[in-house]
N, C-alpha and C. Protein backbone atom coordinates (compact mmCIF):
# COMPACT_ATOMS: atom_id res chain seq x y z
N UNK A 1 -2.58 25.90 -18.94
CA UNK A 1 -1.82 25.45 -20.18
C UNK A 1 -2.33 24.14 -20.64
N UNK A 2 -2.68 23.87 -21.83
CA UNK A 2 -3.37 22.66 -22.32
C UNK A 2 -2.30 21.70 -22.46
N UNK A 3 -2.52 20.49 -21.98
CA UNK A 3 -1.65 19.30 -22.30
C UNK A 3 -1.30 19.02 -23.73
N UNK A 4 -2.28 19.52 -24.49
CA UNK A 4 -2.03 19.35 -26.09
C UNK A 4 -1.10 20.42 -26.54
N UNK A 5 -0.71 21.40 -25.72
CA UNK A 5 0.40 22.33 -26.30
C UNK A 5 1.48 21.78 -26.61
N UNK A 6 1.99 21.97 -27.93
CA UNK A 6 3.12 21.34 -28.49
C UNK A 6 2.81 19.99 -28.92
N UNK A 7 1.64 19.70 -29.19
CA UNK A 7 1.25 18.41 -29.92
C UNK A 7 1.61 18.42 -31.38
N UNK A 8 1.36 17.15 -32.01
CA UNK A 8 1.72 16.87 -33.19
C UNK A 8 1.29 17.92 -34.31
N UNK A 9 0.02 18.60 -34.05
CA UNK A 9 -0.53 19.46 -34.91
C UNK A 9 0.25 20.68 -34.84
N UNK A 10 0.65 21.16 -33.66
CA UNK A 10 1.65 22.30 -33.49
C UNK A 10 2.79 22.23 -34.27
N UNK A 11 3.49 21.05 -34.22
CA UNK A 11 4.74 20.75 -34.85
C UNK A 11 4.64 20.74 -36.40
N UNK A 12 3.40 20.39 -37.00
CA UNK A 12 3.25 20.40 -38.27
C UNK A 12 3.67 21.61 -39.18
N UNK A 13 3.56 22.71 -38.43
CA UNK A 13 3.73 24.02 -39.11
C UNK A 13 5.22 24.15 -39.52
N UNK A 14 6.21 23.35 -38.98
CA UNK A 14 7.53 23.45 -39.34
C UNK A 14 7.84 22.78 -40.44
N UNK A 15 8.29 23.40 -41.70
CA UNK A 15 8.57 22.75 -42.88
C UNK A 15 9.64 21.79 -42.81
N UNK A 16 10.42 21.76 -41.75
CA UNK A 16 11.64 20.84 -41.78
C UNK A 16 11.35 19.43 -41.17
N UNK A 17 9.98 19.32 -40.82
CA UNK A 17 9.43 18.06 -40.38
C UNK A 17 9.54 16.93 -41.45
N UNK A 18 9.63 15.74 -41.15
CA UNK A 18 9.48 14.62 -41.90
C UNK A 18 8.10 14.52 -42.53
N UNK A 19 7.97 13.77 -43.58
CA UNK A 19 6.51 13.72 -44.12
C UNK A 19 5.61 13.08 -43.06
N UNK A 20 4.43 13.56 -42.90
CA UNK A 20 3.51 13.37 -41.80
C UNK A 20 3.40 11.80 -41.68
N UNK A 21 3.07 10.92 -42.62
CA UNK A 21 2.89 9.62 -42.46
C UNK A 21 3.91 8.79 -41.81
N UNK A 22 5.26 9.20 -42.20
CA UNK A 22 6.35 8.59 -41.66
C UNK A 22 6.64 9.09 -40.21
N UNK A 23 6.39 10.32 -39.89
CA UNK A 23 6.48 10.83 -38.50
C UNK A 23 5.51 10.21 -37.73
N UNK A 24 4.19 9.98 -38.21
CA UNK A 24 3.11 9.46 -37.38
C UNK A 24 3.55 7.96 -37.03
N UNK A 25 4.11 7.41 -37.93
CA UNK A 25 4.41 5.90 -37.81
C UNK A 25 5.51 5.75 -36.67
N UNK A 26 6.47 6.68 -36.89
CA UNK A 26 7.63 6.61 -35.88
C UNK A 26 7.07 6.89 -34.48
N UNK A 27 6.07 8.02 -34.25
CA UNK A 27 5.45 8.11 -33.07
C UNK A 27 4.79 6.99 -32.41
N UNK A 28 3.98 6.37 -33.25
CA UNK A 28 3.13 5.25 -33.07
C UNK A 28 4.13 4.03 -32.48
N UNK A 29 5.25 3.81 -33.21
CA UNK A 29 6.16 2.81 -32.81
C UNK A 29 6.85 3.06 -31.44
N UNK A 30 7.21 4.17 -31.42
CA UNK A 30 7.99 4.55 -30.14
C UNK A 30 7.01 4.58 -28.98
N UNK A 31 5.72 4.90 -28.97
CA UNK A 31 4.75 4.98 -28.07
C UNK A 31 4.32 3.54 -27.68
N UNK A 32 4.41 2.57 -28.66
CA UNK A 32 4.10 1.26 -28.33
C UNK A 32 5.16 0.64 -27.58
N UNK A 33 6.42 0.96 -28.01
CA UNK A 33 7.54 0.52 -27.31
C UNK A 33 7.55 0.91 -25.73
N UNK A 34 7.29 2.33 -25.55
CA UNK A 34 7.22 2.75 -24.16
C UNK A 34 6.12 2.04 -23.40
N UNK A 35 5.01 1.79 -24.06
CA UNK A 35 3.83 1.06 -23.38
C UNK A 35 4.20 -0.36 -22.87
N UNK A 36 4.92 -1.00 -23.94
CA UNK A 36 5.46 -2.33 -23.44
C UNK A 36 6.54 -2.39 -22.29
N UNK A 37 7.40 -1.21 -22.47
CA UNK A 37 8.50 -1.31 -21.37
C UNK A 37 7.80 -0.75 -20.03
N UNK A 38 6.73 -0.10 -20.13
CA UNK A 38 6.06 0.06 -18.82
C UNK A 38 5.67 -0.93 -17.95
N UNK A 39 5.07 -1.99 -18.91
CA UNK A 39 4.71 -3.18 -18.15
C UNK A 39 5.98 -4.07 -17.64
N UNK A 40 7.04 -4.10 -18.45
CA UNK A 40 8.14 -4.81 -18.04
C UNK A 40 8.87 -4.06 -16.80
N UNK A 41 8.76 -2.81 -16.87
CA UNK A 41 9.36 -2.04 -15.74
C UNK A 41 8.65 -2.32 -14.41
N UNK A 42 7.40 -2.57 -14.37
CA UNK A 42 6.64 -2.80 -13.28
C UNK A 42 6.93 -4.24 -12.82
N UNK A 43 7.11 -5.18 -13.72
CA UNK A 43 7.58 -6.46 -13.31
C UNK A 43 8.80 -6.57 -12.73
N UNK A 44 9.83 -5.67 -13.30
CA UNK A 44 11.12 -5.75 -12.76
C UNK A 44 11.11 -5.11 -11.34
N UNK A 45 10.26 -4.14 -11.14
CA UNK A 45 10.41 -3.64 -9.73
C UNK A 45 9.81 -4.57 -8.70
N UNK A 46 8.67 -5.30 -9.07
CA UNK A 46 8.13 -6.29 -8.14
C UNK A 46 9.20 -7.52 -7.91
N UNK A 47 9.76 -7.87 -8.95
CA UNK A 47 10.77 -8.89 -8.86
C UNK A 47 11.88 -8.56 -7.96
N UNK A 48 12.37 -7.33 -8.11
CA UNK A 48 13.55 -6.84 -7.33
C UNK A 48 12.99 -6.81 -5.94
N UNK A 49 11.88 -6.32 -5.43
CA UNK A 49 11.36 -6.19 -4.14
C UNK A 49 11.41 -7.66 -3.55
N UNK A 50 10.80 -8.55 -4.32
CA UNK A 50 10.61 -9.91 -3.73
C UNK A 50 11.91 -10.52 -3.28
N UNK A 51 12.96 -10.26 -4.03
CA UNK A 51 14.37 -11.03 -3.97
C UNK A 51 15.11 -10.30 -2.84
N UNK A 52 14.85 -9.21 -2.26
CA UNK A 52 15.72 -8.46 -1.27
C UNK A 52 15.49 -8.87 0.16
N UNK A 53 14.49 -9.71 0.34
CA UNK A 53 14.25 -10.23 1.76
C UNK A 53 13.63 -9.08 2.61
N UNK A 54 13.64 -9.54 3.93
CA UNK A 54 13.05 -8.56 4.86
C UNK A 54 13.87 -7.45 5.13
N UNK A 55 13.45 -6.10 5.26
CA UNK A 55 12.07 -5.69 5.33
C UNK A 55 11.35 -5.42 4.01
N UNK A 56 12.10 -5.51 2.88
CA UNK A 56 11.47 -5.16 1.55
C UNK A 56 10.45 -6.27 1.19
N UNK A 57 9.28 -5.73 0.68
CA UNK A 57 8.20 -6.39 0.46
C UNK A 57 7.38 -6.60 1.58
N UNK A 58 7.84 -6.16 2.82
CA UNK A 58 6.77 -6.18 3.98
C UNK A 58 5.86 -5.23 3.72
N UNK A 59 4.47 -5.68 4.00
CA UNK A 59 3.39 -4.68 3.97
C UNK A 59 3.61 -3.48 4.96
N UNK A 60 3.44 -2.24 4.29
CA UNK A 60 3.65 -1.02 5.02
C UNK A 60 5.10 -0.48 5.22
N UNK A 61 5.98 -1.39 4.64
CA UNK A 61 7.41 -0.95 4.69
C UNK A 61 7.61 0.28 3.85
N UNK A 62 8.15 1.41 4.24
CA UNK A 62 8.26 2.76 3.51
C UNK A 62 9.71 2.86 3.64
N UNK A 63 10.54 2.47 2.57
CA UNK A 63 11.90 2.73 2.44
C UNK A 63 12.29 4.11 2.22
N UNK A 64 13.56 4.60 2.77
CA UNK A 64 14.07 5.91 2.42
C UNK A 64 14.34 6.02 0.82
N UNK A 65 14.33 7.16 0.30
CA UNK A 65 14.54 7.34 -1.15
C UNK A 65 15.85 8.18 -1.28
N UNK A 66 16.90 7.37 -1.21
CA UNK A 66 18.15 8.20 -1.29
C UNK A 66 18.40 8.82 -2.63
N UNK A 67 19.04 9.96 -2.85
CA UNK A 67 19.20 10.54 -4.07
C UNK A 67 20.13 9.59 -4.92
N UNK A 68 19.93 9.90 -6.16
CA UNK A 68 20.73 8.94 -7.12
C UNK A 68 21.50 9.99 -8.09
N UNK A 69 22.79 9.80 -8.18
CA UNK A 69 23.62 10.70 -9.01
C UNK A 69 23.15 10.72 -10.29
N UNK A 70 22.85 11.95 -10.87
CA UNK A 70 22.56 12.07 -12.36
C UNK A 70 21.13 11.87 -12.60
N UNK A 71 20.32 11.53 -11.72
CA UNK A 71 18.92 11.20 -12.14
C UNK A 71 18.04 11.49 -10.85
N UNK A 72 16.85 12.13 -11.22
CA UNK A 72 15.90 12.46 -10.18
C UNK A 72 14.61 11.80 -10.71
N UNK A 73 13.49 12.02 -9.85
CA UNK A 73 12.19 11.54 -10.15
C UNK A 73 11.55 12.66 -11.14
N UNK A 74 10.67 12.19 -11.98
CA UNK A 74 9.86 13.17 -12.70
C UNK A 74 9.19 14.27 -11.65
N UNK A 75 9.41 15.59 -11.93
CA UNK A 75 8.85 16.64 -11.01
C UNK A 75 7.38 16.65 -10.93
N UNK A 76 6.91 17.21 -9.99
CA UNK A 76 5.60 17.39 -9.82
C UNK A 76 5.01 18.22 -10.79
N UNK A 77 5.76 19.23 -11.42
CA UNK A 77 5.28 19.94 -12.46
C UNK A 77 5.48 19.56 -13.89
N UNK A 78 5.93 18.35 -13.97
CA UNK A 78 6.39 17.81 -15.15
C UNK A 78 5.17 17.87 -16.23
N UNK A 79 3.93 17.43 -15.84
CA UNK A 79 2.93 17.33 -16.85
C UNK A 79 2.34 18.73 -17.37
N UNK A 80 2.85 19.78 -16.64
CA UNK A 80 2.45 21.15 -17.01
C UNK A 80 3.38 21.86 -17.99
N UNK A 81 4.59 21.13 -18.21
CA UNK A 81 5.68 21.82 -19.01
C UNK A 81 5.26 21.65 -20.53
N UNK A 82 5.76 22.48 -21.29
CA UNK A 82 5.41 22.28 -22.73
C UNK A 82 6.05 20.80 -23.28
N UNK A 83 5.27 20.24 -24.16
CA UNK A 83 5.63 18.90 -24.51
C UNK A 83 7.02 18.69 -25.01
N UNK A 84 7.53 19.61 -25.89
CA UNK A 84 8.92 19.40 -26.25
C UNK A 84 9.94 19.27 -25.10
N UNK A 85 9.78 20.01 -24.00
CA UNK A 85 10.67 20.12 -23.00
C UNK A 85 10.38 18.84 -22.06
N UNK A 86 9.13 18.29 -21.92
CA UNK A 86 8.99 17.01 -21.51
C UNK A 86 9.52 15.97 -21.96
N UNK A 87 9.50 15.96 -23.33
CA UNK A 87 10.23 14.83 -24.24
C UNK A 87 11.70 14.89 -24.01
N UNK A 88 12.15 16.14 -23.84
CA UNK A 88 13.66 16.32 -23.69
C UNK A 88 14.10 15.66 -22.29
N UNK A 89 13.29 16.03 -21.36
CA UNK A 89 13.50 15.51 -20.03
C UNK A 89 13.50 13.97 -19.97
N UNK A 90 12.50 13.43 -20.68
CA UNK A 90 12.45 12.03 -20.75
C UNK A 90 13.51 11.39 -21.40
N UNK A 91 14.03 11.95 -22.55
CA UNK A 91 15.24 11.53 -23.17
C UNK A 91 16.49 11.53 -22.32
N UNK A 92 16.54 12.50 -21.59
CA UNK A 92 17.74 12.70 -20.70
C UNK A 92 17.80 11.50 -19.63
N UNK A 93 16.48 11.48 -19.16
CA UNK A 93 16.41 10.35 -18.02
C UNK A 93 16.76 8.88 -18.47
N UNK A 94 16.17 8.76 -19.81
CA UNK A 94 16.47 7.28 -20.43
C UNK A 94 17.97 7.17 -20.73
N UNK A 95 18.71 8.27 -21.02
CA UNK A 95 20.15 8.20 -21.20
C UNK A 95 20.85 7.83 -20.01
N UNK A 96 20.37 8.38 -18.90
CA UNK A 96 21.04 8.22 -17.53
C UNK A 96 20.81 6.81 -16.96
N UNK A 97 19.57 6.24 -17.31
CA UNK A 97 19.08 4.91 -16.73
C UNK A 97 20.06 3.75 -17.08
N UNK A 98 20.61 3.42 -18.17
CA UNK A 98 21.21 2.22 -18.50
C UNK A 98 22.43 2.02 -17.55
N UNK A 99 23.37 2.94 -17.48
CA UNK A 99 24.67 2.78 -16.55
C UNK A 99 24.20 2.58 -15.12
N UNK A 100 22.95 3.22 -14.58
CA UNK A 100 22.59 2.85 -13.26
C UNK A 100 21.92 1.58 -13.10
N UNK A 101 21.28 1.00 -14.10
CA UNK A 101 20.65 -0.36 -14.13
C UNK A 101 21.80 -1.40 -14.13
N UNK A 102 22.89 -1.11 -14.88
CA UNK A 102 24.06 -1.80 -14.99
C UNK A 102 24.87 -1.96 -13.66
N UNK A 103 24.92 -0.83 -13.01
CA UNK A 103 25.47 -0.74 -11.65
C UNK A 103 24.69 -1.58 -10.56
N UNK A 104 23.41 -1.47 -10.73
CA UNK A 104 22.54 -2.29 -9.85
C UNK A 104 22.67 -3.78 -10.21
N UNK A 105 22.79 -4.07 -11.42
CA UNK A 105 23.15 -5.56 -11.69
C UNK A 105 24.31 -6.06 -11.13
N UNK A 106 25.43 -5.20 -10.98
CA UNK A 106 26.74 -5.61 -10.55
C UNK A 106 26.56 -5.82 -8.96
N UNK A 107 25.86 -4.91 -8.43
CA UNK A 107 25.65 -5.16 -6.93
C UNK A 107 24.78 -6.38 -6.53
N UNK A 108 23.76 -6.66 -7.44
CA UNK A 108 22.86 -7.74 -7.23
C UNK A 108 23.62 -8.94 -7.48
N UNK A 109 24.70 -8.99 -8.43
CA UNK A 109 25.46 -10.14 -8.63
C UNK A 109 26.09 -10.57 -7.36
N UNK A 110 26.46 -9.72 -6.43
CA UNK A 110 27.12 -10.03 -5.25
C UNK A 110 26.05 -10.40 -4.12
N UNK A 111 24.76 -9.78 -4.24
CA UNK A 111 23.84 -10.08 -3.21
C UNK A 111 22.96 -11.17 -3.42
N UNK A 112 22.62 -11.25 -4.80
CA UNK A 112 21.68 -12.25 -5.32
C UNK A 112 22.22 -12.98 -6.50
N UNK A 113 23.21 -13.67 -6.38
CA UNK A 113 23.88 -14.38 -7.67
C UNK A 113 22.94 -15.53 -8.14
N UNK A 114 23.26 -15.63 -9.46
CA UNK A 114 22.49 -16.74 -10.14
C UNK A 114 21.06 -16.66 -9.95
N UNK A 115 20.51 -15.42 -10.22
CA UNK A 115 19.16 -15.25 -10.28
C UNK A 115 18.64 -14.64 -11.55
N UNK A 116 17.40 -14.85 -11.85
CA UNK A 116 16.97 -14.34 -13.17
C UNK A 116 16.89 -12.78 -13.08
N UNK A 117 16.85 -12.24 -11.97
CA UNK A 117 16.98 -10.69 -11.79
C UNK A 117 18.14 -10.17 -12.48
N UNK A 118 19.25 -10.82 -12.57
CA UNK A 118 20.49 -10.21 -13.23
C UNK A 118 20.07 -10.23 -14.65
N UNK A 119 19.67 -11.01 -15.32
CA UNK A 119 19.19 -10.92 -16.69
C UNK A 119 18.21 -9.87 -16.97
N UNK A 120 17.12 -9.74 -16.13
CA UNK A 120 16.14 -8.69 -16.26
C UNK A 120 16.77 -7.31 -16.12
N UNK A 121 17.68 -7.05 -15.25
CA UNK A 121 18.30 -5.85 -15.18
C UNK A 121 19.24 -5.39 -16.39
N UNK A 122 19.77 -6.46 -16.92
CA UNK A 122 20.51 -6.43 -18.26
C UNK A 122 19.58 -5.96 -19.41
N UNK A 123 18.52 -6.71 -19.39
CA UNK A 123 17.37 -6.26 -20.53
C UNK A 123 16.83 -4.89 -20.25
N UNK A 124 16.56 -4.66 -19.03
CA UNK A 124 16.09 -3.32 -18.70
C UNK A 124 16.96 -2.18 -19.19
N UNK A 125 18.35 -2.34 -19.02
CA UNK A 125 19.22 -1.35 -19.50
C UNK A 125 19.20 -1.28 -21.09
N UNK A 126 19.16 -2.39 -21.64
CA UNK A 126 19.13 -2.43 -23.10
C UNK A 126 17.84 -1.73 -23.59
N UNK A 127 16.70 -1.87 -22.88
CA UNK A 127 15.42 -1.55 -23.36
C UNK A 127 15.33 -0.04 -23.24
N UNK A 128 16.00 0.37 -22.06
CA UNK A 128 16.14 1.96 -21.92
C UNK A 128 16.81 2.66 -23.02
N UNK A 129 17.93 2.03 -23.47
CA UNK A 129 18.75 2.79 -24.43
C UNK A 129 17.95 2.58 -25.78
N UNK A 130 17.13 1.51 -26.09
CA UNK A 130 16.33 1.58 -27.24
C UNK A 130 15.28 2.54 -27.33
N UNK A 131 14.47 2.69 -26.15
CA UNK A 131 13.49 3.68 -26.05
C UNK A 131 14.14 5.07 -26.15
N UNK A 132 15.26 5.33 -25.50
CA UNK A 132 15.77 6.53 -25.65
C UNK A 132 16.39 7.06 -26.92
N UNK A 133 16.85 6.00 -27.73
CA UNK A 133 17.37 6.21 -29.15
C UNK A 133 16.12 6.60 -30.04
N UNK A 134 15.04 5.91 -29.84
CA UNK A 134 13.64 6.00 -30.53
C UNK A 134 13.22 7.47 -30.22
N UNK A 135 13.16 7.77 -28.91
CA UNK A 135 12.58 9.11 -28.59
C UNK A 135 13.42 10.21 -29.17
N UNK A 136 14.87 10.15 -29.10
CA UNK A 136 15.70 11.09 -29.73
C UNK A 136 15.38 11.16 -31.19
N UNK A 137 15.06 10.02 -31.91
CA UNK A 137 14.74 10.12 -33.26
C UNK A 137 13.29 10.89 -33.58
N UNK A 138 12.42 10.71 -32.69
CA UNK A 138 11.14 11.46 -32.78
C UNK A 138 11.40 13.11 -32.56
N UNK A 139 12.17 13.31 -31.48
CA UNK A 139 12.51 14.74 -31.23
C UNK A 139 13.20 15.29 -32.41
N UNK A 140 14.06 14.58 -33.15
CA UNK A 140 14.73 15.08 -34.22
C UNK A 140 13.83 15.36 -35.42
N UNK A 141 12.89 14.30 -35.61
CA UNK A 141 12.00 14.51 -36.66
C UNK A 141 10.91 15.64 -36.40
N UNK A 142 10.70 15.90 -35.24
CA UNK A 142 9.83 17.10 -34.85
C UNK A 142 10.55 18.42 -34.90
N UNK A 143 11.77 18.42 -35.20
CA UNK A 143 12.59 19.72 -35.13
C UNK A 143 12.79 20.26 -33.89
N UNK A 144 12.68 19.44 -32.70
CA UNK A 144 12.92 19.98 -31.43
C UNK A 144 14.38 20.09 -30.95
N UNK A 145 14.76 21.04 -30.30
CA UNK A 145 16.16 21.34 -29.98
C UNK A 145 16.70 19.80 -29.18
N UNK A 146 17.80 19.53 -29.47
CA UNK A 146 18.24 18.28 -28.64
C UNK A 146 18.51 18.64 -27.19
N UNK A 147 18.29 17.60 -26.26
CA UNK A 147 18.46 17.78 -24.91
C UNK A 147 20.04 18.19 -24.67
N UNK A 148 20.01 19.01 -23.50
CA UNK A 148 21.46 19.42 -23.13
C UNK A 148 22.29 18.13 -22.60
N UNK A 149 23.58 18.08 -22.93
CA UNK A 149 24.38 17.04 -22.37
C UNK A 149 24.65 17.29 -20.89
N UNK A 150 24.71 16.09 -20.19
CA UNK A 150 24.85 15.99 -18.85
C UNK A 150 26.29 16.45 -18.48
N UNK A 151 26.55 17.27 -17.40
CA UNK A 151 27.78 17.62 -16.97
C UNK A 151 28.72 16.59 -16.63
N UNK A 152 28.13 15.44 -16.06
CA UNK A 152 29.10 14.40 -15.68
C UNK A 152 28.68 13.17 -16.44
N UNK A 153 29.67 12.39 -16.89
CA UNK A 153 29.26 11.22 -17.64
C UNK A 153 28.47 10.28 -16.78
N UNK A 154 27.39 9.59 -17.32
CA UNK A 154 26.40 9.00 -16.64
C UNK A 154 26.97 7.72 -16.06
N UNK A 155 28.02 7.02 -16.80
CA UNK A 155 28.54 5.85 -16.37
C UNK A 155 29.47 6.09 -15.15
N UNK A 156 30.23 7.22 -15.14
CA UNK A 156 31.07 7.49 -13.91
C UNK A 156 30.10 7.76 -12.82
N UNK A 157 29.22 8.57 -12.89
CA UNK A 157 28.24 8.89 -11.74
C UNK A 157 27.59 7.54 -11.22
N UNK A 158 27.24 6.72 -12.06
CA UNK A 158 26.66 5.44 -11.55
C UNK A 158 27.65 4.49 -10.97
N UNK A 159 28.79 4.49 -11.35
CA UNK A 159 29.84 3.66 -10.68
C UNK A 159 30.17 4.17 -9.37
N UNK A 160 30.18 5.45 -9.27
CA UNK A 160 30.47 6.08 -7.94
C UNK A 160 29.50 5.83 -6.97
N UNK A 161 28.10 5.95 -7.42
CA UNK A 161 26.99 5.78 -6.61
C UNK A 161 26.96 4.25 -6.03
N UNK A 162 27.27 3.28 -7.03
CA UNK A 162 27.25 1.81 -6.70
C UNK A 162 28.41 1.56 -5.69
N UNK A 163 29.67 2.17 -5.93
CA UNK A 163 30.72 1.92 -5.03
C UNK A 163 30.47 2.34 -3.66
N UNK A 164 29.71 3.71 -3.53
CA UNK A 164 29.53 4.09 -2.14
C UNK A 164 28.59 3.25 -1.46
N UNK A 165 27.47 2.86 -2.27
CA UNK A 165 26.44 2.01 -1.67
C UNK A 165 26.87 0.63 -1.14
N UNK A 166 27.95 -0.09 -2.04
CA UNK A 166 28.49 -1.23 -1.63
C UNK A 166 29.38 -1.19 -0.45
N UNK A 167 30.05 0.05 -0.29
CA UNK A 167 30.88 0.25 0.90
C UNK A 167 30.13 0.46 1.93
N UNK A 168 29.00 0.98 1.90
CA UNK A 168 28.14 1.23 3.11
C UNK A 168 27.42 0.01 3.66
N UNK A 169 27.43 -1.24 2.93
CA UNK A 169 26.70 -2.41 3.23
C UNK A 169 25.69 -2.76 2.41
N UNK A 170 25.22 -3.92 2.76
CA UNK A 170 24.14 -4.57 1.93
C UNK A 170 22.77 -3.80 1.91
N UNK A 171 22.38 -3.18 2.88
CA UNK A 171 21.04 -2.65 3.02
C UNK A 171 21.17 -1.36 2.12
N UNK A 172 22.17 -0.50 2.32
CA UNK A 172 22.25 0.67 1.36
C UNK A 172 22.40 0.25 -0.14
N UNK A 173 22.98 -0.86 -0.39
CA UNK A 173 23.18 -1.38 -1.76
C UNK A 173 21.74 -1.71 -2.36
N UNK A 174 20.92 -2.39 -1.41
CA UNK A 174 19.63 -2.81 -1.86
C UNK A 174 18.70 -1.56 -2.11
N UNK A 175 18.87 -0.76 -1.13
CA UNK A 175 18.09 0.57 -1.20
C UNK A 175 18.35 1.24 -2.64
N UNK A 176 19.74 1.48 -3.03
CA UNK A 176 20.00 2.03 -4.23
C UNK A 176 19.22 1.42 -5.41
N UNK A 177 19.51 -0.10 -5.48
CA UNK A 177 18.82 -0.70 -6.44
C UNK A 177 17.19 -0.54 -6.46
N UNK A 178 16.57 -0.54 -5.42
CA UNK A 178 15.14 -0.23 -5.37
C UNK A 178 14.81 1.11 -5.77
N UNK A 179 15.52 2.16 -5.57
CA UNK A 179 15.44 3.55 -6.09
C UNK A 179 15.48 3.49 -7.69
N UNK A 180 16.63 2.86 -8.05
CA UNK A 180 16.86 2.92 -9.47
C UNK A 180 15.85 2.20 -10.32
N UNK A 181 15.27 1.12 -9.72
CA UNK A 181 14.23 0.15 -10.33
C UNK A 181 12.89 1.12 -10.38
N UNK A 182 12.80 1.85 -9.21
CA UNK A 182 11.55 2.83 -9.20
C UNK A 182 11.68 3.92 -10.24
N UNK A 183 12.83 4.43 -10.30
CA UNK A 183 12.99 5.56 -11.29
C UNK A 183 12.82 5.01 -12.66
N UNK A 184 13.33 3.82 -12.96
CA UNK A 184 13.10 3.33 -14.42
C UNK A 184 11.62 3.16 -14.73
N UNK A 185 10.94 2.54 -13.69
CA UNK A 185 9.42 2.47 -13.89
C UNK A 185 8.80 3.78 -14.19
N UNK A 186 9.18 4.79 -13.21
CA UNK A 186 8.46 6.13 -13.33
C UNK A 186 8.78 6.82 -14.60
N UNK A 187 10.20 6.82 -15.12
CA UNK A 187 10.46 7.38 -16.23
C UNK A 187 9.89 6.82 -17.50
N UNK A 188 9.77 5.43 -17.47
CA UNK A 188 9.31 4.87 -18.68
C UNK A 188 7.86 5.09 -18.92
N UNK A 189 7.13 5.07 -17.71
CA UNK A 189 5.65 5.29 -17.61
C UNK A 189 5.44 6.92 -18.04
N UNK A 190 6.26 7.82 -17.56
CA UNK A 190 6.17 9.09 -17.94
C UNK A 190 6.42 9.34 -19.40
N UNK A 191 7.37 8.69 -19.98
CA UNK A 191 7.59 8.69 -21.39
C UNK A 191 6.39 8.27 -22.16
N UNK A 192 5.73 7.12 -21.88
CA UNK A 192 4.57 6.63 -22.46
C UNK A 192 3.40 7.64 -22.52
N UNK A 193 3.22 8.43 -21.33
CA UNK A 193 2.23 9.38 -21.20
C UNK A 193 2.48 10.55 -22.01
N UNK A 194 3.82 10.98 -22.08
CA UNK A 194 4.13 12.12 -22.97
C UNK A 194 4.11 11.92 -24.31
N UNK A 195 4.46 10.81 -24.78
CA UNK A 195 4.31 10.34 -26.20
C UNK A 195 2.88 10.14 -26.56
N UNK A 196 1.99 9.76 -25.62
CA UNK A 196 0.55 9.61 -25.89
C UNK A 196 -0.08 11.03 -26.34
N UNK A 197 0.37 11.96 -25.96
CA UNK A 197 0.02 13.38 -26.34
C UNK A 197 0.29 13.63 -27.82
N UNK A 198 1.20 13.03 -28.34
CA UNK A 198 1.40 13.09 -29.75
C UNK A 198 0.69 12.05 -30.71
N UNK A 199 0.24 11.03 -30.11
CA UNK A 199 -0.46 10.11 -30.98
C UNK A 199 -1.97 10.53 -31.40
N UNK A 200 -2.06 10.71 -32.58
CA UNK A 200 -3.45 11.14 -33.09
C UNK A 200 -4.54 10.33 -32.48
N UNK A 201 -5.46 11.04 -31.88
CA UNK A 201 -6.55 10.51 -31.12
C UNK A 201 -6.21 10.06 -29.60
N UNK A 202 -5.12 10.57 -29.34
CA UNK A 202 -4.61 10.36 -27.95
C UNK A 202 -5.29 11.31 -26.99
N UNK A 203 -4.92 11.41 -25.73
CA UNK A 203 -5.49 12.29 -24.75
C UNK A 203 -5.46 13.66 -25.01
N UNK A 204 -6.59 14.41 -24.77
CA UNK A 204 -6.50 15.84 -25.14
C UNK A 204 -6.04 16.52 -24.01
């Protein structure tokens, strides 16, 4: 299956699509935002690791990857899915991330108070919302079906995960934050790559 399947050219056949110049401008704008957030997400991940102390940041440290309620990593077969389905998965992940990042910020306020990381986490949640809204607008303009709603409210799932991690102790709470920051980095990067398939002149 070609990665260009479901590309902008394929969507153009639908007469319900917005005028092409406006659609291309929205795609470019959203892709540029995703590219910028990819850089910020990597910076957030590195800053998070540096502040957690030993053994976080130790060379060769391979932490466990606990499951995160309401969100998983991009699947191994993600790149082989049709583009509309990939974009809907991206939008769903971006919708789930803000409450998780907010939960991590609350945990870090106890573990590492009065650090710039708290503001970075707040900014990350706001940026995930902005990118998710922009991606939803692109999907709507392309005439793609909206993503399916999640069965459990994301905020409730995030709060429950944070409460469980906090009750288990500092190390599990730090692990949860590490996992969420890693998922934020992975999904923003994945969104950038998927939107790149729609950018004229992008990867074939």
